[in-house]
Amino acid sequence: MTASLNRRALAAGLLAAAAAPAAARDPHLTRTLRGDDTPRLPAYADLWARMPLPFTPAQAWRLLSPETQAEIGAAAIGMALAEYVSGQLHEDEADRFLDESLTSAAYDAQSEILNAFSPRLWTLFPDLYGPEGDHPRWALDNGMVHALGSGPERQPEPPAPAHAADPIFATISAADAARQAHQGIFDAGLDESDDAQMARLDTLRDADREAFAALATVIPTTRDGDVALADFYLRTLDDRDGQATACLRHLRGVLAGDLDDDPPLT
């Protein structure tokens, strides 16, 4: 089984669980951390109550040995620390650590810890997350899931459109997406004094130009593809006097066989 994890939610949940009793703390560490008197992390009790779990996340934590609790708690704090050192919490480069090799190593450490969390926890709690290769018993017994590999038969997929194999359609879609992303940065309110936004604009502009240029390298293999390419050019053509637009519209009509709807050329 695989799972998609939100790294902040994961760190929050693990740190909430890591609030071990005072007796379990290192007696040499007597300093009070500022987090002790700040708002607690959300426990999501209402969410867990909607499921017939064998035990709550808080109860699951208490089932672990002190050594494993220390391992997971330290890893959660380390992941948050690595995120800070890597600079991901600082949009302004001037606020980041100066040693690029250190920030790069911290970024790698955060990613490695995050990727290791899920397999580690699933190994520790097969009753909670499910055994290897299947859902947990509480989900199966209550009809919440199908056993993996034994779900209802999938309906056969409808045949692909006849023009699906024409490469021009994918190329047009890519050009459309790049064009919309380029335009979107203006629609969102471009701040020309913001270096990061201007750098983003340069990237999107280059991607737009490359995707548009790619159209000239692909030859449609269907008549529908010919028409779609003409339609795209009509939508994106910058033609102030309208003559090129009229010619292209006529060509589009020839390809589509609907010349009656075309305005006369001038």
C-alpha atoms as a PDB file:
ATOM      1  CA  MET A   1       0.000   0.000   0.000  1.00  0.00           C
ATOM      2  CA  THR A   2       1.070   3.573  -0.569  1.00  0.00           C
ATOM      3  CA  ALA A   3       0.012   6.806   1.067  1.00  0.00           C
ATOM      4  CA  SER A   4       0.251  10.483   0.243  1.00  0.00           C
ATOM      5  CA  LEU A   5       1.422  12.426   3.265  1.00  0.00           C
ATOM      6  CA  ASN A   6       1.242  16.122   4.046  1.00  0.00           C
ATOM      7  CA  ARG A   7       4.608  16.807   5.600  1.00  0.00           C
ATOM      8  CA  ARG A   8       3.339  19.542   7.931  1.00  0.00           C
ATOM      9  CA  ALA A   9       0.379  17.471   9.102  1.00  0.00           C
ATOM     10  CA  LEU A  10       2.664  14.494   9.656  1.00  0.00           C
ATOM     11  CA  ALA A  11       5.149  16.521  11.664  1.00  0.00           C
ATOM     12  CA  ALA A  12       2.306  18.084  13.646  1.00  0.00           C
ATOM     13  CA  GLY A  13       0.735  14.729  14.483  1.00  0.00           C
ATOM     14  CA  LEU A  14       4.016  13.136  15.500  1.00  0.00           C
ATOM     15  CA  LEU A  15       5.064  16.064  17.644  1.00  0.00           C
ATOM     16  CA  ALA A  16       1.677  16.069  19.357  1.00  0.00           C
ATOM     17  CA  ALA A  17       2.098  12.394  20.144  1.00  0.00           C
ATOM     18  CA  ALA A  18       5.669  12.975  21.257  1.00  0.00           C
ATOM     19  CA  ALA A  19       4.545  14.871  24.349  1.00  0.00           C
ATOM     20  CA  ALA A  20       5.915  12.083  26.574  1.00  0.00           C
ATOM     21  CA  PRO A  21       5.426  12.166  30.372  1.00  0.00           C
ATOM     22  CA  ALA A  22       8.005  14.162  32.317  1.00  0.00           C
ATOM     23  CA  ALA A  23       9.410  10.955  33.809  1.00  0.00           C
ATOM     24  CA  ALA A  24      10.398   9.771  30.346  1.00  0.00           C
ATOM     25  CA  ARG A  25      12.450  12.891  29.630  1.00  0.00           C
ATOM     26  CA  ASP A  26      16.194  13.026  29.964  1.00  0.00           C
ATOM     27  CA  PRO A  27      16.858  14.115  33.593  1.00  0.00           C
ATOM     28  CA  HIS A  28      19.819  16.140  32.357  1.00  0.00           C
ATOM     29  CA  LEU A  29      17.504  18.337  30.285  1.00  0.00           C
ATOM     30  CA  THR A  30      15.785  20.603  32.799  1.00  0.00           C
ATOM     31  CA  ARG A  31      15.230  23.616  30.576  1.00  0.00           C
ATOM     32  CA  THR A  32      11.562  24.418  29.836  1.00  0.00           C
ATOM     33  CA  LEU A  33      10.911  24.794  26.121  1.00  0.00           C
ATOM     34  CA  ARG A  34       8.735  27.646  24.982  1.00  0.00           C
ATOM     35  CA  GLY A  35       6.355  25.188  23.281  1.00  0.00           C
ATOM     36  CA  ASP A  36       5.126  23.991  26.686  1.00  0.00           C
ATOM     37  CA  ASP A  37       2.920  27.066  27.120  1.00  0.00           C
ATOM     38  CA  THR A  38       1.846  27.646  23.507  1.00  0.00           C
ATOM     39  CA  PRO A  39      -1.315  26.362  21.767  1.00  0.00           C
ATOM     40  CA  ARG A  40      -1.299  22.596  21.269  1.00  0.00           C
ATOM     41  CA  LEU A  41      -1.362  20.884  17.906  1.00  0.00           C
ATOM     42  CA  PRO A  42      -4.748  19.661  16.588  1.00  0.00           C
ATOM     43  CA  ALA A  43      -5.643  16.093  17.579  1.00  0.00           C
ATOM     44  CA  TYR A  44      -8.440  15.517  14.992  1.00  0.00           C
ATOM     45  CA  ALA A  45     -10.419  13.457  17.496  1.00  0.00           C
ATOM     46  CA  ASP A  46     -13.654  13.926  15.499  1.00  0.00           C
ATOM     47  CA  LEU A  47     -12.017  12.456  12.387  1.00  0.00           C
ATOM     48  CA  TRP A  48     -10.676   9.375  14.183  1.00  0.00           C
ATOM     49  CA  ALA A  49     -14.076   8.874  15.843  1.00  0.00           C
ATOM     50  CA  ARG A  50     -15.614   8.308  12.414  1.00  0.00           C
ATOM     51  CA  MET A  51     -13.577   5.120  12.020  1.00  0.00           C
ATOM     52  CA  PRO A  52     -13.736   1.879  14.043  1.00  0.00           C
ATOM     53  CA  LEU A  53     -10.024   2.030  14.832  1.00  0.00           C
ATOM     54  CA  PRO A  54      -8.466  -0.584  17.131  1.00  0.00           C
ATOM     55  CA  PHE A  55      -6.878   2.310  19.037  1.00  0.00           C
ATOM     56  CA  THR A  56      -6.539   6.071  18.649  1.00  0.00           C
ATOM     57  CA  PRO A  57      -3.301   7.688  17.464  1.00  0.00           C
ATOM     58  CA  ALA A  58      -2.615   8.790  21.041  1.00  0.00           C
ATOM     59  CA  GLN A  59      -3.128   5.239  22.306  1.00  0.00           C
ATOM     60  CA  ALA A  60      -0.930   3.910  19.501  1.00  0.00           C
ATOM     61  CA  TRP A  61       1.868   6.183  20.638  1.00  0.00           C
ATOM     62  CA  ARG A  62       1.694   4.815  24.167  1.00  0.00           C
ATOM     63  CA  LEU A  63       2.029   1.256  22.790  1.00  0.00           C
ATOM     64  CA  LEU A  64       5.513   2.060  21.517  1.00  0.00           C
ATOM     65  CA  SER A  65       8.630   1.469  23.559  1.00  0.00           C
ATOM     66  CA  PRO A  66      10.400   4.544  24.994  1.00  0.00           C
ATOM     67  CA  GLU A  67      13.252   3.918  22.559  1.00  0.00           C
ATOM     68  CA  THR A  68      10.938   3.988  19.538  1.00  0.00           C
ATOM     69  CA  GLN A  69       9.124   7.040  20.879  1.00  0.00           C
ATOM     70  CA  ALA A  70      12.464   8.812  21.185  1.00  0.00           C
ATOM     71  CA  GLU A  71      13.420   7.740  17.658  1.00  0.00           C
ATOM     72  CA  ILE A  72      10.217   9.056  16.070  1.00  0.00           C
ATOM     73  CA  GLY A  73      10.054  12.221  18.161  1.00  0.00           C
ATOM     74  CA  ALA A  74      13.668  13.112  17.363  1.00  0.00           C
ATOM     75  CA  ALA A  75      13.093  12.416  13.674  1.00  0.00           C
ATOM     76  CA  ALA A  76       9.994  14.679  13.624  1.00  0.00           C
ATOM     77  CA  ILE A  77      11.887  17.517  15.269  1.00  0.00           C
ATOM     78  CA  GLY A  78      14.847  16.877  12.989  1.00  0.00           C
ATOM     79  CA  MET A  79      12.610  17.090   9.928  1.00  0.00           C
ATOM     80  CA  ALA A  80      11.268  20.472  11.022  1.00  0.00           C
ATOM     81  CA  LEU A  81      14.786  21.670  11.846  1.00  0.00           C
ATOM     82  CA  ALA A  82      16.054  20.522   8.446  1.00  0.00           C
ATOM     83  CA  GLU A  83      13.216  22.396   6.741  1.00  0.00           C
ATOM     84  CA  TYR A  84      14.240  25.572   8.567  1.00  0.00           C
ATOM     85  CA  VAL A  85      17.952  25.201   7.776  1.00  0.00           C
ATOM     86  CA  SER A  86      17.236  24.322   4.134  1.00  0.00           C
ATOM     87  CA  GLY A  87      15.647  27.750   3.678  1.00  0.00           C
ATOM     88  CA  GLN A  88      12.222  26.567   2.562  1.00  0.00           C
ATOM     89  CA  LEU A  89      10.611  28.664   5.290  1.00  0.00           C
ATOM     90  CA  HIS A  90      12.325  31.830   4.056  1.00  0.00           C
ATOM     91  CA  GLU A  91      11.121  33.299   0.778  1.00  0.00           C
ATOM     92  CA  ASP A  92      13.753  36.047   0.923  1.00  0.00           C
ATOM     93  CA  GLU A  93      17.201  34.655   0.099  1.00  0.00           C
ATOM     94  CA  ALA A  94      18.742  37.239   2.428  1.00  0.00           C
ATOM     95  CA  ASP A  95      17.159  35.384   5.375  1.00  0.00           C
ATOM     96  CA  ARG A  96      18.683  32.007   4.511  1.00  0.00           C
ATOM     97  CA  PHE A  97      21.813  30.271   5.763  1.00  0.00           C
ATOM     98  CA  LEU A  98      24.962  31.313   3.910  1.00  0.00           C
ATOM     99  CA  ASP A  99      26.470  27.828   3.514  1.00  0.00           C
ATOM    100  CA  GLU A 100      24.820  26.365   0.403  1.00  0.00           C
ATOM    101  CA  SER A 101      26.260  22.923   1.037  1.00  0.00           C
ATOM    102  CA  LEU A 102      24.628  22.981   4.483  1.00  0.00           C
ATOM    103  CA  THR A 103      21.225  24.061   3.163  1.00  0.00           C
ATOM    104  CA  SER A 104      21.405  21.451   0.420  1.00  0.00           C
ATOM    105  CA  ALA A 105      22.249  18.718   2.914  1.00  0.00           C
ATOM    106  CA  ALA A 106      19.393  19.876   5.166  1.00  0.00           C
ATOM    107  CA  TYR A 107      16.952  19.722   2.252  1.00  0.00           C
ATOM    108  CA  ASP A 108      18.065  16.168   1.456  1.00  0.00           C
ATOM    109  CA  ALA A 109      17.753  15.186   5.126  1.00  0.00           C
ATOM    110  CA  GLN A 110      14.212  16.538   5.360  1.00  0.00           C
ATOM    111  CA  SER A 111      13.166  14.641   2.237  1.00  0.00           C
ATOM    112  CA  GLU A 112      14.780  11.409   3.391  1.00  0.00           C
ATOM    113  CA  ILE A 113      13.151  11.596   6.831  1.00  0.00           C
ATOM    114  CA  LEU A 114       9.748  12.320   5.288  1.00  0.00           C
ATOM    115  CA  ASN A 115      10.050   9.426   2.856  1.00  0.00           C
ATOM    116  CA  ALA A 116      11.101   7.069   5.658  1.00  0.00           C
ATOM    117  CA  PHE A 117       8.244   7.990   8.012  1.00  0.00           C
ATOM    118  CA  SER A 118       5.437   6.171   6.251  1.00  0.00           C
ATOM    119  CA  PRO A 119       7.193   2.782   5.866  1.00  0.00           C
ATOM    120  CA  ARG A 120       8.443   3.007   9.458  1.00  0.00           C
ATOM    121  CA  LEU A 121       5.009   3.690  10.951  1.00  0.00           C
ATOM    122  CA  TRP A 122       3.270   1.064   8.815  1.00  0.00           C
ATOM    123  CA  THR A 123       5.724  -1.503  10.098  1.00  0.00           C
ATOM    124  CA  LEU A 124       5.020  -0.499  13.687  1.00  0.00           C
ATOM    125  CA  PHE A 125       1.219  -0.409  13.422  1.00  0.00           C
ATOM    126  CA  PRO A 126      -0.101  -3.080  11.008  1.00  0.00           C
ATOM    127  CA  ASP A 127      -3.410  -3.138  12.926  1.00  0.00           C
ATOM    128  CA  LEU A 128      -3.811   0.583  12.346  1.00  0.00           C
ATOM    129  CA  TYR A 129      -2.516   1.021   8.792  1.00  0.00           C
ATOM    130  CA  GLY A 130      -2.944  -2.523   7.533  1.00  0.00           C
ATOM    131  CA  PRO A 131      -0.525  -5.405   6.940  1.00  0.00           C
ATOM    132  CA  GLU A 132       1.823  -5.443   4.006  1.00  0.00           C
ATOM    133  CA  GLY A 133      -0.172  -5.458   0.782  1.00  0.00           C
ATOM    134  CA  ASP A 134      -3.693  -5.000   2.166  1.00  0.00           C
ATOM    135  CA  HIS A 135      -6.050  -2.761   4.107  1.00  0.00           C
ATOM    136  CA  PRO A 136      -6.425  -3.079   7.907  1.00  0.00           C
ATOM    137  CA  ARG A 137      -8.949  -5.502   9.317  1.00  0.00           C
ATOM    138  CA  TRP A 138     -11.107  -2.732  10.866  1.00  0.00           C
ATOM    139  CA  ALA A 139     -11.654  -1.214   7.401  1.00  0.00           C
ATOM    140  CA  LEU A 140     -12.314  -4.569   5.694  1.00  0.00           C
ATOM    141  CA  ASP A 141     -14.707  -5.881   8.377  1.00  0.00           C
ATOM    142  CA  ASN A 142     -16.809  -2.719   8.253  1.00  0.00           C
ATOM    143  CA  GLY A 143     -17.188  -2.659   4.478  1.00  0.00           C
ATOM    144  CA  MET A 144     -15.162   0.529   4.107  1.00  0.00           C
ATOM    145  CA  VAL A 145     -12.806  -0.873   1.444  1.00  0.00           C
ATOM    146  CA  HIS A 146     -12.348  -3.820  -0.878  1.00  0.00           C
ATOM    147  CA  ALA A 147      -9.429  -6.118  -0.221  1.00  0.00           C
ATOM    148  CA  LEU A 148      -6.646  -5.017  -2.487  1.00  0.00           C
ATOM    149  CA  GLY A 149      -6.864  -6.779  -5.829  1.00  0.00           C
ATOM    150  CA  SER A 150     -10.434  -8.028  -5.248  1.00  0.00           C
ATOM    151  CA  GLY A 151     -12.522  -4.924  -5.918  1.00  0.00           C
ATOM    152  CA  PRO A 152     -15.449  -4.765  -8.358  1.00  0.00           C
ATOM    153  CA  GLU A 153     -14.550  -5.456 -11.952  1.00  0.00           C
ATOM    154  CA  ARG A 154     -13.740  -2.351 -13.891  1.00  0.00           C
ATOM    155  CA  GLN A 155     -15.929  -1.506 -16.819  1.00  0.00           C
ATOM    156  CA  PRO A 156     -14.055  -1.586 -20.102  1.00  0.00           C
ATOM    157  CA  GLU A 157     -12.854   1.824 -21.095  1.00  0.00           C
ATOM    158  CA  PRO A 158     -14.571   3.383 -24.105  1.00  0.00           C
ATOM    159  CA  PRO A 159     -12.539   3.359 -27.283  1.00  0.00           C
ATOM    160  CA  ALA A 160     -10.284   6.353 -27.724  1.00  0.00           C
ATOM    161  CA  PRO A 161     -11.404   8.993 -30.227  1.00  0.00           C
ATOM    162  CA  ALA A 162     -10.223   8.363 -33.753  1.00  0.00           C
ATOM    163  CA  HIS A 163      -7.938  11.393 -33.598  1.00  0.00           C
ATOM    164  CA  ALA A 164      -6.310  10.394 -30.298  1.00  0.00           C
ATOM    165  CA  ALA A 165      -3.231   9.095 -32.079  1.00  0.00           C
ATOM    166  CA  ASP A 166      -2.718  12.392 -33.918  1.00  0.00           C
ATOM    167  CA  PRO A 167       0.307  13.978 -32.203  1.00  0.00           C
ATOM    168  CA  ILE A 168      -0.863  17.511 -32.915  1.00  0.00           C
ATOM    169  CA  PHE A 169      -3.553  17.355 -30.209  1.00  0.00           C
ATOM    170  CA  ALA A 170      -1.049  16.796 -27.385  1.00  0.00           C
ATOM    171  CA  THR A 171       1.183  19.523 -28.817  1.00  0.00           C
ATOM    172  CA  ILE A 172      -1.747  21.969 -28.960  1.00  0.00           C
ATOM    173  CA  SER A 173      -2.701  21.105 -25.371  1.00  0.00           C
ATOM    174  CA  ALA A 174       0.849  21.778 -24.194  1.00  0.00           C
ATOM    175  CA  ALA A 175       0.946  25.094 -26.048  1.00  0.00           C
ATOM    176  CA  ASP A 176      -2.438  26.074 -24.627  1.00  0.00           C
ATOM    177  CA  ALA A 177      -1.333  25.231 -21.060  1.00  0.00           C
ATOM    178  CA  ALA A 178       1.924  27.162 -21.426  1.00  0.00           C
ATOM    179  CA  ARG A 179       0.077  30.162 -22.857  1.00  0.00           C
ATOM    180  CA  GLN A 180      -2.474  30.171 -20.027  1.00  0.00           C
ATOM    181  CA  ALA A 181       0.253  29.870 -17.371  1.00  0.00           C
ATOM    182  CA  HIS A 182       2.116  32.810 -18.969  1.00  0.00           C
ATOM    183  CA  GLN A 183      -1.048  34.914 -19.054  1.00  0.00           C
ATOM    184  CA  GLY A 184      -1.988  33.839 -15.542  1.00  0.00           C
ATOM    185  CA  ILE A 185       0.926  35.648 -13.924  1.00  0.00           C
ATOM    186  CA  PHE A 186      -0.423  38.924 -15.331  1.00  0.00           C
ATOM    187  CA  ASP A 187      -3.987  38.117 -14.300  1.00  0.00           C
ATOM    188  CA  ALA A 188      -2.771  37.488 -10.742  1.00  0.00           C
ATOM    189  CA  GLY A 189      -1.263  40.989 -10.577  1.00  0.00           C
ATOM    190  CA  LEU A 190       2.402  41.062 -11.550  1.00  0.00           C
ATOM    191  CA  ASP A 191       4.662  43.085  -9.239  1.00  0.00           C
ATOM    192  CA  GLU A 192       7.524  44.196 -11.478  1.00  0.00           C
ATOM    193  CA  SER A 193       9.566  45.231  -8.436  1.00  0.00           C
ATOM    194  CA  ASP A 194       9.540  41.651  -7.150  1.00  0.00           C
ATOM    195  CA  ASP A 195      12.622  39.840  -8.458  1.00  0.00           C
ATOM    196  CA  ALA A 196      11.120  36.409  -7.772  1.00  0.00           C
ATOM    197  CA  GLN A 197       7.984  37.231  -9.765  1.00  0.00           C
ATOM    198  CA  MET A 198       9.986  38.646 -12.640  1.00  0.00           C
ATOM    199  CA  ALA A 199      12.169  35.540 -12.711  1.00  0.00           C
ATOM    200  CA  ARG A 200       8.998  33.444 -12.758  1.00  0.00           C
ATOM    201  CA  LEU A 201       7.690  35.559 -15.635  1.00  0.00           C
ATOM    202  CA  ASP A 202      10.862  34.911 -17.650  1.00  0.00           C
ATOM    203  CA  THR A 203      10.492  31.164 -17.079  1.00  0.00           C
ATOM    204  CA  LEU A 204       6.834  31.134 -18.137  1.00  0.00           C
ATOM    205  CA  ARG A 205       7.516  33.321 -21.180  1.00  0.00           C
ATOM    206  CA  ASP A 206      10.282  30.995 -22.363  1.00  0.00           C
ATOM    207  CA  ALA A 207       8.065  27.935 -21.827  1.00  0.00           C
ATOM    208  CA  ASP A 208       5.262  29.614 -23.793  1.00  0.00           C
ATOM    209  CA  ARG A 209       7.566  30.375 -26.715  1.00  0.00           C
ATOM    210  CA  GLU A 210       9.020  26.862 -26.749  1.00  0.00           C
ATOM    211  CA  ALA A 211       5.587  25.219 -26.663  1.00  0.00           C
ATOM    212  CA  PHE A 212       4.360  27.469 -29.473  1.00  0.00           C
ATOM    213  CA  ALA A 213       7.455  26.777 -31.563  1.00  0.00           C
ATOM    214  CA  ALA A 214       6.931  23.033 -31.080  1.00  0.00           C
ATOM    215  CA  LEU A 215       3.711  23.279 -33.128  1.00  0.00           C
ATOM    216  CA  ALA A 216       5.788  23.911 -36.230  1.00  0.00           C
ATOM    217  CA  THR A 217       7.642  20.630 -35.722  1.00  0.00           C
ATOM    218  CA  VAL A 218       4.534  18.419 -35.696  1.00  0.00           C
ATOM    219  CA  ILE A 219       2.505  17.524 -38.779  1.00  0.00           C
ATOM    220  CA  PRO A 220      -1.134  16.569 -38.079  1.00  0.00           C
ATOM    221  CA  THR A 221      -2.065  13.080 -39.227  1.00  0.00           C
ATOM    222  CA  THR A 222      -5.846  13.632 -39.388  1.00  0.00           C
ATOM    223  CA  ARG A 223      -8.185  16.226 -40.850  1.00  0.00           C
ATOM    224  CA  ASP A 224      -9.464  16.949 -37.351  1.00  0.00           C
ATOM    225  CA  GLY A 225      -5.883  17.708 -36.361  1.00  0.00           C
ATOM    226  CA  ASP A 226      -5.555  20.144 -39.283  1.00  0.00           C
ATOM    227  CA  VAL A 227      -8.681  21.977 -38.140  1.00  0.00           C
ATOM    228  CA  ALA A 228      -7.584  22.014 -34.492  1.00  0.00           C
ATOM    229  CA  LEU A 229      -4.233  23.546 -35.428  1.00  0.00           C
ATOM    230  CA  ALA A 230      -5.955  26.228 -37.499  1.00  0.00           C
ATOM    231  CA  ASP A 231      -8.325  26.930 -34.600  1.00  0.00           C
ATOM    232  CA  PHE A 232      -5.384  27.352 -32.217  1.00  0.00           C
ATOM    233  CA  TYR A 233      -3.639  29.791 -34.551  1.00  0.00           C
ATOM    234  CA  LEU A 234      -6.873  31.764 -34.933  1.00  0.00           C
ATOM    235  CA  ARG A 235      -7.162  32.050 -31.145  1.00  0.00           C
ATOM    236  CA  THR A 236      -3.578  33.222 -30.665  1.00  0.00           C
ATOM    237  CA  LEU A 237      -2.873  35.246 -33.815  1.00  0.00           C
ATOM    238  CA  ASP A 238      -1.864  38.887 -33.257  1.00  0.00           C
ATOM    239  CA  ASP A 239      -3.240  40.358 -36.478  1.00  0.00           C
ATOM    240  CA  ARG A 240      -4.009  44.067 -36.236  1.00  0.00           C
ATOM    241  CA  ASP A 241      -5.360  44.617 -39.772  1.00  0.00           C
ATOM    242  CA  GLY A 242      -7.249  41.291 -39.843  1.00  0.00           C
ATOM    243  CA  GLN A 243      -6.061  40.168 -43.279  1.00  0.00           C
ATOM    244  CA  ALA A 244      -4.037  37.202 -42.028  1.00  0.00           C
ATOM    245  CA  THR A 245      -6.919  36.202 -39.769  1.00  0.00           C
ATOM    246  CA  ALA A 246      -9.321  36.196 -42.711  1.00  0.00           C
ATOM    247  CA  CYS A 247      -6.959  34.046 -44.783  1.00  0.00           C
ATOM    248  CA  LEU A 248      -6.440  31.600 -41.971  1.00  0.00           C
ATOM    249  CA  ARG A 249     -10.169  31.424 -41.291  1.00  0.00           C
ATOM    250  CA  HIS A 250     -10.748  30.598 -44.956  1.00  0.00           C
ATOM    251  CA  LEU A 251      -8.110  27.850 -44.823  1.00  0.00           C
ATOM    252  CA  ARG A 252      -9.699  26.500 -41.646  1.00  0.00           C
ATOM    253  CA  GLY A 253     -13.049  26.406 -43.416  1.00  0.00           C
ATOM    254  CA  VAL A 254     -11.552  24.526 -46.359  1.00  0.00           C
ATOM    255  CA  LEU A 255     -10.135  21.904 -44.012  1.00  0.00           C
ATOM    256  CA  ALA A 256     -13.364  21.577 -42.036  1.00  0.00           C
ATOM    257  CA  GLY A 257     -15.628  21.661 -45.081  1.00  0.00           C
ATOM    258  CA  ASP A 258     -17.858  24.427 -43.686  1.00  0.00           C
ATOM    259  CA  LEU A 259     -17.032  27.364 -45.963  1.00  0.00           C
ATOM    260  CA  ASP A 260     -20.634  28.602 -45.870  1.00  0.00           C
ATOM    261  CA  ASP A 261     -20.017  29.985 -42.382  1.00  0.00           C
ATOM    262  CA  ASP A 262     -16.854  31.883 -43.339  1.00  0.00           C
ATOM    263  CA  PRO A 263     -16.921  35.626 -44.015  1.00  0.00           C
ATOM    264  CA  PRO A 264     -15.750  36.672 -47.488  1.00  0.00           C
ATOM    265  CA  LEU A 265     -12.079  37.543 -47.891  1.00  0.00           C
ATOM    266  CA  THR A 266     -11.240  41.221 -48.305  1.00  0.00           C
END
